Amino acid sequence: VYEEQCAKSLTEPFGVVALDTGDEVIWLNLESPG
């Protein structure tokens, strides 16, 4: 999830990713100005 989110142009400071495994992974970018 970290690598996928870093590859994107992040506009949100946090989010939830639903994976094919059924897991929901929460991420938070502490450097986000928002």
Full PDB file with SEQRES, HELIX, SHEET, SSBOND, CRYST1, ORIGX, SCALE, CONECT and MASTER records, all heavy atoms in Angstrom:
SEQRES   1 A   34  VAL TYR GLU GLU GLN CYS ALA LYS SER LEU THR GLU PRO          
SEQRES   2 A   34  PHE GLY VAL VAL ALA LEU ASP THR GLY ASP GLU VAL ILE          
SEQRES   3 A   34  TRP LEU ASN LEU GLU SER PRO GLY                              
HELIX    1 AA1 TYR A    2  ALA A    7  1                                   6    
SHEET    1 AA1 2 PHE A  14  ALA A  18  0                                        
SHEET    2 AA1 2 GLU A  24  LEU A  28 -1                                        
CRYST1    1.000    1.000    1.000  90.00  90.00  90.00 P 1           1          
ORIGX1      1.000000  0.000000  0.000000        0.00000                         
ORIGX2      0.000000  1.000000  0.000000        0.00000                         
ORIGX3      0.000000  0.000000  1.000000        0.00000                         
SCALE1      1.000000  0.000000  0.000000        0.00000                         
SCALE2      0.000000  1.000000  0.000000        0.00000                         
SCALE3      0.000000  0.000000  1.000000        0.00000                         
ATOM      1  N   VAL A   1       0.836  -1.208   0.000  1.00  0.00           N  
ATOM      2  CA  VAL A   1       0.000   0.000   0.000  1.00  0.00           C  
ATOM      3  C   VAL A   1       0.869   1.255   0.000  1.00  0.00           C  
ATOM      4  O   VAL A   1       0.597   2.208  -0.732  1.00  0.00           O  
ATOM      5  CB  VAL A   1      -0.974  -0.017   1.192  1.00  0.00           C  
ATOM      6  CG1 VAL A   1      -1.670   1.329   1.356  1.00  0.00           C  
ATOM      7  CG2 VAL A   1      -1.993  -1.136   1.009  1.00  0.00           C  
ATOM      8  N   TYR A   2       1.925   1.264   0.790  1.00  0.00           N  
ATOM      9  CA  TYR A   2       2.842   2.403   0.837  1.00  0.00           C  
ATOM     10  C   TYR A   2       3.404   2.700  -0.553  1.00  0.00           C  
ATOM     11  O   TYR A   2       3.355   3.839  -1.028  1.00  0.00           O  
ATOM     12  CB  TYR A   2       3.963   2.112   1.831  1.00  0.00           C  
ATOM     13  CG  TYR A   2       5.154   3.024   1.705  1.00  0.00           C  
ATOM     14  CD1 TYR A   2       5.072   4.352   2.088  1.00  0.00           C  
ATOM     15  CD2 TYR A   2       6.367   2.557   1.202  1.00  0.00           C  
ATOM     16  CE1 TYR A   2       6.170   5.195   1.974  1.00  0.00           C  
ATOM     17  CE2 TYR A   2       7.459   3.385   1.087  1.00  0.00           C  
ATOM     18  CZ  TYR A   2       7.355   4.704   1.474  1.00  0.00           C  
ATOM     19  OH  TYR A   2       8.434   5.529   1.347  1.00  0.00           O  
ATOM     20  N   GLU A   3       3.908   1.686  -1.227  1.00  0.00           N  
ATOM     21  CA  GLU A   3       4.494   1.886  -2.553  1.00  0.00           C  
ATOM     22  C   GLU A   3       3.452   2.333  -3.571  1.00  0.00           C  
ATOM     23  O   GLU A   3       3.724   3.198  -4.400  1.00  0.00           O  
ATOM     24  CB  GLU A   3       5.203   0.617  -3.003  1.00  0.00           C  
ATOM     25  CG  GLU A   3       6.470   0.355  -2.208  1.00  0.00           C  
ATOM     26  CD  GLU A   3       7.128  -0.977  -2.505  1.00  0.00           C  
ATOM     27  OE1 GLU A   3       6.535  -1.815  -3.226  1.00  0.00           O  
ATOM     28  OE2 GLU A   3       8.254  -1.192  -1.997  1.00  0.00           O  
ATOM     29  N   GLU A   4       2.256   1.770  -3.505  1.00  0.00           N  
ATOM     30  CA  GLU A   4       1.186   2.171  -4.430  1.00  0.00           C  
ATOM     31  C   GLU A   4       0.781   3.623  -4.205  1.00  0.00           C  
ATOM     32  O   GLU A   4       0.579   4.374  -5.158  1.00  0.00           O  
ATOM     33  CB  GLU A   4      -0.035   1.266  -4.266  1.00  0.00           C  
ATOM     34  CG  GLU A   4       0.159  -0.127  -4.817  1.00  0.00           C  
ATOM     35  CD  GLU A   4      -1.016  -1.046  -4.523  1.00  0.00           C  
ATOM     36  OE1 GLU A   4      -1.982  -0.617  -3.855  1.00  0.00           O  
ATOM     37  OE2 GLU A   4      -0.972  -2.204  -4.969  1.00  0.00           O  
ATOM     38  N   GLN A   5       0.650   4.026  -2.945  1.00  0.00           N  
ATOM     39  CA  GLN A   5       0.243   5.397  -2.653  1.00  0.00           C  
ATOM     40  C   GLN A   5       1.334   6.399  -2.995  1.00  0.00           C  
ATOM     41  O   GLN A   5       1.043   7.487  -3.478  1.00  0.00           O  
ATOM     42  CB  GLN A   5      -0.183   5.533  -1.183  1.00  0.00           C  
ATOM     43  CG  GLN A   5      -1.402   4.723  -0.823  1.00  0.00           C  
ATOM     44  CD  GLN A   5      -2.590   5.011  -1.708  1.00  0.00           C  
ATOM     45  OE1 GLN A   5      -2.951   6.152  -1.951  1.00  0.00           O  
ATOM     46  NE2 GLN A   5      -3.201   3.958  -2.211  1.00  0.00           N  
ATOM     47  N   CYS A   6       2.581   6.043  -2.776  1.00  0.00           N  
ATOM     48  CA  CYS A   6       3.692   6.949  -3.114  1.00  0.00           C  
ATOM     49  C   CYS A   6       3.827   7.136  -4.617  1.00  0.00           C  
ATOM     50  O   CYS A   6       4.305   8.169  -5.078  1.00  0.00           O  
ATOM     51  CB  CYS A   6       4.998   6.432  -2.524  1.00  0.00           C  
ATOM     52  SG  CYS A   6       5.102   6.692  -0.749  1.00  0.00           S  
ATOM     53  N   ALA A   7       3.412   6.143  -5.392  1.00  0.00           N  
ATOM     54  CA  ALA A   7       3.482   6.240  -6.847  1.00  0.00           C  
ATOM     55  C   ALA A   7       2.404   7.175  -7.405  1.00  0.00           C  
ATOM     56  O   ALA A   7       2.514   7.648  -8.530  1.00  0.00           O  
ATOM     57  CB  ALA A   7       3.348   4.852  -7.473  1.00  0.00           C  
ATOM     58  N   LYS A   8       1.399   7.455  -6.608  1.00  0.00           N  
ATOM     59  CA  LYS A   8       0.305   8.333  -7.032  1.00  0.00           C  
ATOM     60  C   LYS A   8       0.609   9.774  -6.640  1.00  0.00           C  
ATOM     61  O   LYS A   8       1.416  10.043  -5.759  1.00  0.00           O  
ATOM     62  CB  LYS A   8      -1.006   7.922  -6.357  1.00  0.00           C  
ATOM     63  CG  LYS A   8      -1.495   6.557  -6.728  1.00  0.00           C  
ATOM     64  CD  LYS A   8      -2.771   6.262  -5.971  1.00  0.00           C  
ATOM     65  CE  LYS A   8      -3.276   4.876  -6.289  1.00  0.00           C  
ATOM     66  NZ  LYS A   8      -4.505   4.571  -5.532  1.00  0.00           N  
ATOM     67  N   SER A   9      -0.087  10.678  -7.276  1.00  0.00           N  
ATOM     68  CA  SER A   9      -0.022  12.079  -6.870  1.00  0.00           C  
ATOM     69  C   SER A   9      -1.077  12.252  -5.781  1.00  0.00           C  
ATOM     70  O   SER A   9      -2.258  12.416  -6.059  1.00  0.00           O  
ATOM     71  CB  SER A   9      -0.331  12.986  -8.065  1.00  0.00           C  
ATOM     72  OG  SER A   9      -0.376  14.323  -7.648  1.00  0.00           O  
ATOM     73  N   LEU A  10      -0.641  12.164  -4.534  1.00  0.00           N  
ATOM     74  CA  LEU A  10      -1.582  12.179  -3.421  1.00  0.00           C  
ATOM     75  C   LEU A  10      -2.169  13.561  -3.201  1.00  0.00           C  
ATOM     76  O   LEU A  10      -1.454  14.542  -3.087  1.00  0.00           O  
ATOM     77  CB  LEU A  10      -0.889  11.721  -2.135  1.00  0.00           C  
ATOM     78  CG  LEU A  10      -0.394  10.290  -2.110  1.00  0.00           C  
ATOM     79  CD1 LEU A  10       0.358  10.024  -0.808  1.00  0.00           C  
ATOM     80  CD2 LEU A  10      -1.547   9.324  -2.248  1.00  0.00           C  
ATOM     81  N   THR A  11      -3.489  13.610  -3.134  1.00  0.00           N  
ATOM     82  CA  THR A  11      -4.168  14.857  -2.800  1.00  0.00           C  
ATOM     83  C   THR A  11      -4.814  14.767  -1.423  1.00  0.00           C  
ATOM     84  O   THR A  11      -5.110  15.770  -0.826  1.00  0.00           O  
ATOM     85  CB  THR A  11      -5.248  15.191  -3.846  1.00  0.00           C  
ATOM     86  OG1 THR A  11      -6.173  14.101  -3.915  1.00  0.00           O  
ATOM     87  CG2 THR A  11      -4.625  15.432  -5.215  1.00  0.00           C  
ATOM     88  N   GLU A  12      -5.017  13.554  -0.937  1.00  0.00           N  
ATOM     89  CA  GLU A  12      -5.609  13.346   0.376  1.00  0.00           C  
ATOM     90  C   GLU A  12      -4.514  13.013   1.391  1.00  0.00           C  
ATOM     91  O   GLU A  12      -3.555  12.338   1.063  1.00  0.00           O  
ATOM     92  CB  GLU A  12      -6.622  12.195   0.332  1.00  0.00           C  
ATOM     93  CG  GLU A  12      -7.811  12.466  -0.559  1.00  0.00           C  
ATOM     94  CD  GLU A  12      -8.670  13.619  -0.067  1.00  0.00           C  
ATOM     95  OE1 GLU A  12      -8.836  13.774   1.156  1.00  0.00           O  
ATOM     96  OE2 GLU A  12      -9.158  14.381  -0.908  1.00  0.00           O  
ATOM     97  N   PRO A  13      -4.682  13.451   2.641  1.00  0.00           N  
ATOM     98  CA  PRO A  13      -3.675  13.161   3.658  1.00  0.00           C  
ATOM     99  C   PRO A  13      -3.784  11.745   4.239  1.00  0.00           C  
ATOM    100  O   PRO A  13      -2.868  11.270   4.892  1.00  0.00           O  
ATOM    101  CB  PRO A  13      -3.930  14.212   4.731  1.00  0.00           C  
ATOM    102  CG  PRO A  13      -5.361  14.576   4.567  1.00  0.00           C  
ATOM    103  CD  PRO A  13      -5.666  14.414   3.103  1.00  0.00           C  
ATOM    104  N   PHE A  14      -4.913  11.084   4.001  1.00  0.00           N  
ATOM    105  CA  PHE A  14      -5.111   9.732   4.520  1.00  0.00           C  
ATOM    106  C   PHE A  14      -6.174   9.027   3.694  1.00  0.00           C  
ATOM    107  O   PHE A  14      -6.884   9.656   2.911  1.00  0.00           O  
ATOM    108  CB  PHE A  14      -5.514   9.748   6.004  1.00  0.00           C  
ATOM    109  CG  PHE A  14      -6.752  10.562   6.272  1.00  0.00           C  
ATOM    110  CD1 PHE A  14      -8.012   9.998   6.179  1.00  0.00           C  
ATOM    111  CD2 PHE A  14      -6.653  11.895   6.607  1.00  0.00           C  
ATOM    112  CE1 PHE A  14      -9.157  10.753   6.418  1.00  0.00           C  
ATOM    113  CE2 PHE A  14      -7.784  12.664   6.854  1.00  0.00           C  
ATOM    114  CZ  PHE A  14      -9.039  12.089   6.763  1.00  0.00           C  
ATOM    115  N   GLY A  15      -6.269   7.705   3.862  1.00  0.00           N  
ATOM    116  CA  GLY A  15      -7.268   6.966   3.124  1.00  0.00           C  
ATOM    117  C   GLY A  15      -7.292   5.501   3.525  1.00  0.00           C  
ATOM    118  O   GLY A  15      -6.521   5.055   4.369  1.00  0.00           O  
ATOM    119  N   VAL A  16      -8.211   4.773   2.904  1.00  0.00           N  
ATOM    120  CA  VAL A  16      -8.365   3.343   3.138  1.00  0.00           C  
ATOM    121  C   VAL A  16      -8.307   2.646   1.791  1.00  0.00           C  
ATOM    122  O   VAL A  16      -8.945   3.078   0.833  1.00  0.00           O  
ATOM    123  CB  VAL A  16      -9.702   3.025   3.832  1.00  0.00           C  
ATOM    124  CG1 VAL A  16      -9.876   1.528   4.032  1.00  0.00           C  
ATOM    125  CG2 VAL A  16      -9.813   3.763   5.155  1.00  0.00           C  
ATOM    126  N   VAL A  17      -7.523   1.578   1.716  1.00  0.00           N  
ATOM    127  CA  VAL A  17      -7.398   0.794   0.487  1.00  0.00           C  
ATOM    128  C   VAL A  17      -7.975  -0.594   0.757  1.00  0.00           C  
ATOM    129  O   VAL A  17      -7.585  -1.255   1.723  1.00  0.00           O  
ATOM    130  CB  VAL A  17      -5.915   0.665   0.062  1.00  0.00           C  
ATOM    131  CG1 VAL A  17      -5.780  -0.210  -1.163  1.00  0.00           C  
ATOM    132  CG2 VAL A  17      -5.314   2.033  -0.182  1.00  0.00           C  
ATOM    133  N   ALA A  18      -8.934  -1.021  -0.075  1.00  0.00           N  
ATOM    134  CA  ALA A  18      -9.483  -2.376   0.027  1.00  0.00           C  
ATOM    135  C   ALA A  18      -8.684  -3.262  -0.929  1.00  0.00           C  
ATOM    136  O   ALA A  18      -8.638  -3.008  -2.127  1.00  0.00           O  
ATOM    137  CB  ALA A  18     -10.952  -2.373  -0.345  1.00  0.00           C  
ATOM    138  N   LEU A  19      -8.044  -4.285  -0.390  1.00  0.00           N  
ATOM    139  CA  LEU A  19      -7.214  -5.184  -1.190  1.00  0.00           C  
ATOM    140  C   LEU A  19      -8.007  -6.397  -1.662  1.00  0.00           C  
ATOM    141  O   LEU A  19      -9.059  -6.720  -1.101  1.00  0.00           O  
ATOM    142  CB  LEU A  19      -6.008  -5.642  -0.369  1.00  0.00           C  
ATOM    143  CG  LEU A  19      -5.091  -4.534   0.140  1.00  0.00           C  
ATOM    144  CD1 LEU A  19      -4.010  -5.121   1.028  1.00  0.00           C  
ATOM    145  CD2 LEU A  19      -4.482  -3.763  -1.014  1.00  0.00           C  
ATOM    146  N   ASP A  20      -7.491  -7.077  -2.663  1.00  0.00           N  
ATOM    147  CA  ASP A  20      -8.125  -8.289  -3.187  1.00  0.00           C  
ATOM    148  C   ASP A  20      -8.235  -9.377  -2.121  1.00  0.00           C  
ATOM    149  O   ASP A  20      -9.083 -10.256  -2.222  1.00  0.00           O  
ATOM    150  CB  ASP A  20      -7.334  -8.844  -4.377  1.00  0.00           C  
ATOM    151  CG  ASP A  20      -7.358  -7.895  -5.564  1.00  0.00           C  
ATOM    152  OD1 ASP A  20      -8.279  -7.061  -5.647  1.00  0.00           O  
ATOM    153  OD2 ASP A  20      -6.448  -7.992  -6.403  1.00  0.00           O  
ATOM    154  N   THR A  21      -7.397  -9.329  -1.113  1.00  0.00           N  
ATOM    155  CA  THR A  21      -7.389 -10.328  -0.042  1.00  0.00           C  
ATOM    156  C   THR A  21      -8.550 -10.141   0.926  1.00  0.00           C  
ATOM    157  O   THR A  21      -8.759 -10.968   1.802  1.00  0.00           O  
ATOM    158  CB  THR A  21      -6.083 -10.242   0.759  1.00  0.00           C  
ATOM    159  OG1 THR A  21      -5.995  -8.926   1.329  1.00  0.00           O  
ATOM    160  CG2 THR A  21      -4.873 -10.526  -0.093  1.00  0.00           C  
ATOM    161  N   GLY A  22      -9.274  -9.027   0.788  1.00  0.00           N  
ATOM    162  CA  GLY A  22     -10.353  -8.710   1.715  1.00  0.00           C  
ATOM    163  C   GLY A  22      -9.910  -7.789   2.838  1.00  0.00           C  
ATOM    164  O   GLY A  22     -10.727  -7.322   3.620  1.00  0.00           O  
ATOM    165  N   ASP A  23      -8.624  -7.514   2.897  1.00  0.00           N  
ATOM    166  CA  ASP A  23      -8.092  -6.617   3.927  1.00  0.00           C  
ATOM    167  C   ASP A  23      -8.384  -5.171   3.570  1.00  0.00           C  
ATOM    168  O   ASP A  23      -8.370  -4.791   2.398  1.00  0.00           O  
ATOM    169  CB  ASP A  23      -6.568  -6.774   4.034  1.00  0.00           C  
ATOM    170  CG  ASP A  23      -6.165  -8.102   4.606  1.00  0.00           C  
ATOM    171  OD1 ASP A  23      -6.344  -8.290   5.809  1.00  0.00           O  
ATOM    172  OD2 ASP A  23      -5.684  -8.945   3.834  1.00  0.00           O  
ATOM    173  N   GLU A  24      -8.654  -4.376   4.588  1.00  0.00           N  
ATOM    174  CA  GLU A  24      -8.726  -2.933   4.426  1.00  0.00           C  
ATOM    175  C   GLU A  24      -7.516  -2.355   5.142  1.00  0.00           C  
ATOM    176  O   GLU A  24      -7.310  -2.615   6.325  1.00  0.00           O  
ATOM    177  CB  GLU A  24     -10.020  -2.376   5.006  1.00  0.00           C  
ATOM    178  CG  GLU A  24     -11.222  -2.695   4.164  1.00  0.00           C  
ATOM    179  CD  GLU A  24     -12.464  -1.957   4.626  1.00  0.00           C  
ATOM    180  OE1 GLU A  24     -12.510  -1.470   5.773  1.00  0.00           O  
ATOM    181  OE2 GLU A  24     -13.388  -1.879   3.819  1.00  0.00           O  
ATOM    182  N   VAL A  25      -6.724  -1.599   4.414  1.00  0.00           N  
ATOM    183  CA  VAL A  25      -5.490  -1.036   4.951  1.00  0.00           C  
ATOM    184  C   VAL A  25      -5.645   0.479   5.027  1.00  0.00           C  
ATOM    185  O   VAL A  25      -6.016   1.121   4.050  1.00  0.00           O  
ATOM    186  CB  VAL A  25      -4.290  -1.423   4.053  1.00  0.00           C  
ATOM    187  CG1 VAL A  25      -3.022  -0.786   4.566  1.00  0.00           C  
ATOM    188  CG2 VAL A  25      -4.156  -2.938   3.982  1.00  0.00           C  
ATOM    189  N   ILE A  26      -5.368   1.030   6.194  1.00  0.00           N  
ATOM    190  CA  ILE A  26      -5.482   2.470   6.422  1.00  0.00           C  
ATOM    191  C   ILE A  26      -4.096   3.091   6.287  1.00  0.00           C  
ATOM    192  O   ILE A  26      -3.121   2.566   6.812  1.00  0.00           O  
ATOM    193  CB  ILE A  26      -6.032   2.747   7.831  1.00  0.00           C  
ATOM    194  CG1 ILE A  26      -7.406   2.090   7.988  1.00  0.00           C  
ATOM    195  CG2 ILE A  26      -6.100   4.243   8.108  1.00  0.00           C  
ATOM    196  CD1 ILE A  26      -7.897   2.046   9.415  1.00  0.00           C  
ATOM    197  N   TRP A  27      -4.012   4.212   5.576  1.00  0.00           N  
ATOM    198  CA  TRP A  27      -2.726   4.899   5.435  1.00  0.00           C  
ATOM    199  C   TRP A  27      -2.884   6.365   5.815  1.00  0.00           C  
ATOM    200  O   TRP A  27      -3.965   6.933   5.731  1.00  0.00           O  
ATOM    201  CB  TRP A  27      -2.163   4.757   4.022  1.00  0.00           C  
ATOM    202  CG  TRP A  27      -3.028   5.331   2.944  1.00  0.00           C  
ATOM    203  CD1 TRP A  27      -3.976   4.670   2.224  1.00  0.00           C  
ATOM    204  CD2 TRP A  27      -3.043   6.676   2.477  1.00  0.00           C  
ATOM    205  NE1 TRP A  27      -4.578   5.518   1.334  1.00  0.00           N  
ATOM    206  CE2 TRP A  27      -4.024   6.759   1.463  1.00  0.00           C  
ATOM    207  CE3 TRP A  27      -2.336   7.816   2.806  1.00  0.00           C  
ATOM    208  CZ2 TRP A  27      -4.309   7.941   0.790  1.00  0.00           C  
ATOM    209  CZ3 TRP A  27      -2.614   9.000   2.126  1.00  0.00           C  
ATOM    210  CH2 TRP A  27      -3.586   9.037   1.129  1.00  0.00           C  
ATOM    211  N   LEU A  28      -1.776   6.958   6.250  1.00  0.00           N  
ATOM    212  CA  LEU A  28      -1.749   8.347   6.689  1.00  0.00           C  
ATOM    213  C   LEU A  28      -0.416   8.956   6.287  1.00  0.00           C  
ATOM    214  O   LEU A  28       0.637   8.422   6.617  1.00  0.00           O  
ATOM    215  CB  LEU A  28      -1.902   8.391   8.210  1.00  0.00           C  
ATOM    216  CG  LEU A  28      -1.752   9.711   8.915  1.00  0.00           C  
ATOM    217  CD1 LEU A  28      -2.889  10.647   8.523  1.00  0.00           C  
ATOM    218  CD2 LEU A  28      -1.743   9.499  10.419  1.00  0.00           C  
ATOM    219  N   ASN A  29      -0.464  10.053   5.545  1.00  0.00           N  
ATOM    220  CA  ASN A  29       0.743  10.744   5.118  1.00  0.00           C  
ATOM    221  C   ASN A  29       0.962  11.946   6.037  1.00  0.00           C  
ATOM    222  O   ASN A  29       0.269  12.955   5.925  1.00  0.00           O  
ATOM    223  CB  ASN A  29       0.611  11.202   3.661  1.00  0.00           C  
ATOM    224  CG  ASN A  29       1.850  11.886   3.155  1.00  0.00           C  
ATOM    225  OD1 ASN A  29       2.826  12.038   3.871  1.00  0.00           O  
ATOM    226  ND2 ASN A  29       1.815  12.304   1.905  1.00  0.00           N  
ATOM    227  N   LEU A  30       1.904  11.833   6.951  1.00  0.00           N  
ATOM    228  CA  LEU A  30       2.136  12.889   7.937  1.00  0.00           C  
ATOM    229  C   LEU A  30       2.698  14.167   7.329  1.00  0.00           C  
ATOM    230  O   LEU A  30       2.638  15.222   7.958  1.00  0.00           O  
ATOM    231  CB  LEU A  30       3.076  12.378   9.032  1.00  0.00           C  
ATOM    232  CG  LEU A  30       2.530  11.203   9.851  1.00  0.00           C  
ATOM    233  CD1 LEU A  30       3.601  10.700  10.809  1.00  0.00           C  
ATOM    234  CD2 LEU A  30       1.273  11.582  10.587  1.00  0.00           C  
ATOM    235  N   GLU A  31       3.248  14.105   6.127  1.00  0.00           N  
ATOM    236  CA  GLU A  31       3.778  15.297   5.461  1.00  0.00           C  
ATOM    237  C   GLU A  31       2.716  16.063   4.685  1.00  0.00           C  
ATOM    238  O   GLU A  31       2.996  17.132   4.171  1.00  0.00           O  
ATOM    239  CB  GLU A  31       4.905  14.914   4.503  1.00  0.00           C  
ATOM    240  CG  GLU A  31       6.211  14.655   5.183  1.00  0.00           C  
ATOM    241  CD  GLU A  31       7.342  14.527   4.182  1.00  0.00           C  
ATOM    242  OE1 GLU A  31       7.113  14.072   3.053  1.00  0.00           O  
ATOM    243  OE2 GLU A  31       8.465  14.871   4.557  1.00  0.00           O  
ATOM    244  N   SER A  32       1.547  15.540   4.595  1.00  0.00           N  
ATOM    245  CA  SER A  32       0.505  16.182   3.796  1.00  0.00           C  
ATOM    246  C   SER A  32       0.123  17.535   4.383  1.00  0.00           C  
ATOM    247  O   SER A  32      -0.183  17.635   5.574  1.00  0.00           O  
ATOM    248  CB  SER A  32      -0.735  15.293   3.738  1.00  0.00           C  
ATOM    249  OG  SER A  32      -1.773  15.976   3.091  1.00  0.00           O  
ATOM    250  N   PRO A  33       0.125  18.592   3.553  1.00  0.00           N  
ATOM    251  CA  PRO A  33      -0.242  19.913   4.066  1.00  0.00           C  
ATOM    252  C   PRO A  33      -1.703  19.975   4.520  1.00  0.00           C  
ATOM    253  O   PRO A  33      -2.060  20.774   5.356  1.00  0.00           O  
ATOM    254  CB  PRO A  33      -0.002  20.860   2.893  1.00  0.00           C  
ATOM    255  CG  PRO A  33       0.392  20.030   1.734  1.00  0.00           C  
ATOM    256  CD  PRO A  33       0.536  18.621   2.170  1.00  0.00           C  
ATOM    257  N   GLY A  34      -2.539  19.112   3.993  1.00  0.00           N  
ATOM    258  CA  GLY A  34      -3.957  19.130   4.364  1.00  0.00           C  
ATOM    259  C   GLY A  34      -4.270  18.367   5.627  1.00  0.00           C  
ATOM    260  O   GLY A  34      -5.391  18.410   6.125  1.00  0.00           O  
TER     261      GLY A  34                                                      
MASTER        0    0    0    1    2    0    0    6  260    1    0    3          
END                                                                             
